[in-house]
Amino acid sequence: MNSIDIDVGGTFTDLALNFDGQTLIKKVPTTPYDLSVCFSRVIEEGANSLGLAMEKLLPSIDMVRYSTTIALNRLLQEGCSFLTRR
C-alpha cells in the first residue's frame, strides 16, 4: 500500500512516504503563516526524490495520515498552565 504520513511540528514538517515497497523520509521547514504550504512542500520533496511530479505521485497514494505536533504541544502547554494557576 502506498501511503503518505505527515507531521507538522513547530520547526519542521516531516514526511514518511511509502511507495512501491520503498520508504522515504523528508523534512522541510514549517510555515506557521500557512500550514498548507509546508504540507505541500514536503510532499513535493518526496515526489521529487522518486523522480515524479507531485501530480503523478498523488493518484498512486492509497492513504494519507496527518498529524500536528503543534496542536498537541499547545494543548499540553495550556493544560500545564491551567494546573499551575489553580
Protein backbone atom coordinates (compact mmCIF):
# COMPACT_ATOMS: atom_id res chain seq x y z
CA MET A 1 0.00 0.00 0.00
CA ASN A 2 1.36 3.43 -0.96
CA SER A 3 0.97 5.95 1.85
CA ILE A 4 1.96 9.40 2.99
CA ASP A 5 2.41 10.27 6.67
CA ILE A 6 2.95 13.92 7.57
CA ASP A 7 3.59 15.52 10.94
CA VAL A 8 3.58 19.31 11.15
CA GLY A 9 5.77 20.45 14.02
CA GLY A 10 6.72 23.87 15.30
CA THR A 11 10.03 23.90 13.44
CA PHE A 12 9.87 21.19 10.80
CA THR A 13 7.26 19.26 8.84
CA ASP A 14 8.18 15.58 8.43
CA LEU A 15 7.16 13.13 5.73
CA ALA A 16 7.30 9.34 5.63
CA LEU A 17 6.45 8.23 2.11
CA ASN A 18 5.87 4.54 1.43
CA PHE A 19 5.81 3.96 -2.32
CA ASP A 20 6.16 0.68 -4.19
CA GLY A 21 7.97 -1.00 -1.29
CA GLN A 22 10.34 1.92 -0.75
CA THR A 23 10.26 4.27 2.26
CA LEU A 24 11.50 7.85 2.03
CA ILE A 25 11.86 10.30 4.90
CA LYS A 26 11.84 14.04 4.13
CA LYS A 27 11.77 17.23 6.17
CA VAL A 28 11.00 20.87 5.31
CA PRO A 29 10.69 23.97 7.49
CA THR A 30 7.20 24.52 8.88
CA THR A 31 5.42 27.60 7.56
CA PRO A 32 3.41 28.88 10.56
CA TYR A 33 1.68 31.53 8.44
CA ASP A 34 0.02 28.77 6.34
CA LEU A 35 0.42 25.08 7.21
CA SER A 36 -0.83 24.03 3.78
CA VAL A 37 2.40 25.43 2.30
CA CYS A 38 4.73 23.14 4.28
CA PHE A 39 2.27 20.25 3.79
CA SER A 40 2.50 20.63 0.00
CA ARG A 41 6.24 21.29 0.02
CA VAL A 42 7.10 18.13 1.91
CA ILE A 43 5.00 16.00 -0.46
CA GLU A 44 6.73 17.69 -3.38
CA GLU A 45 10.14 16.86 -1.84
CA GLY A 46 9.13 13.21 -1.59
CA ALA A 47 7.82 13.13 -5.14
CA ASN A 48 11.00 14.76 -6.46
CA SER A 49 13.10 12.13 -4.68
CA LEU A 50 11.19 9.48 -6.63
CA GLY A 51 11.69 11.39 -9.87
CA LEU A 52 7.97 12.15 -10.08
CA ALA A 53 5.90 15.30 -10.21
CA MET A 54 3.52 15.62 -7.28
CA GLU A 55 0.61 15.39 -9.76
CA LYS A 56 1.86 11.95 -10.86
CA LEU A 57 2.53 10.69 -7.32
CA LEU A 58 -0.75 11.59 -5.63
CA PRO A 59 -3.12 9.42 -7.71
CA SER A 60 -0.98 6.40 -6.70
CA ILE A 61 -1.37 7.06 -2.95
CA ASP A 62 -3.84 4.86 -1.06
CA MET A 63 -3.74 6.63 2.31
CA VAL A 64 -2.67 9.96 3.78
CA ARG A 65 -2.20 10.35 7.54
CA TYR A 66 -1.81 13.84 9.00
CA SER A 67 -0.79 14.80 12.50
CA THR A 68 0.30 18.01 14.08
CA THR A 69 2.68 18.26 16.96
CA ILE A 70 1.85 21.99 17.10
CA ALA A 71 -1.69 21.28 18.31
CA LEU A 72 -0.55 18.65 20.81
CA ASN A 73 2.10 20.98 22.24
CA ARG A 74 -0.43 23.81 22.62
CA LEU A 75 -2.87 21.50 24.33
CA LEU A 76 -0.20 20.32 26.75
CA GLN A 77 1.05 23.86 27.42
CA GLU A 78 -2.46 25.12 28.13
CA GLY A 79 -3.14 22.15 30.40
CA CYS A 80 0.08 22.73 32.34
CA SER A 81 -0.55 26.43 32.70
CA PHE A 82 -4.12 25.73 33.86
CA LEU A 83 -2.80 23.38 36.56
CA THR A 84 -0.22 25.88 37.80
CA ARG A 85 -2.88 28.65 38.08
CA ARG A 86 -5.05 26.54 40.38
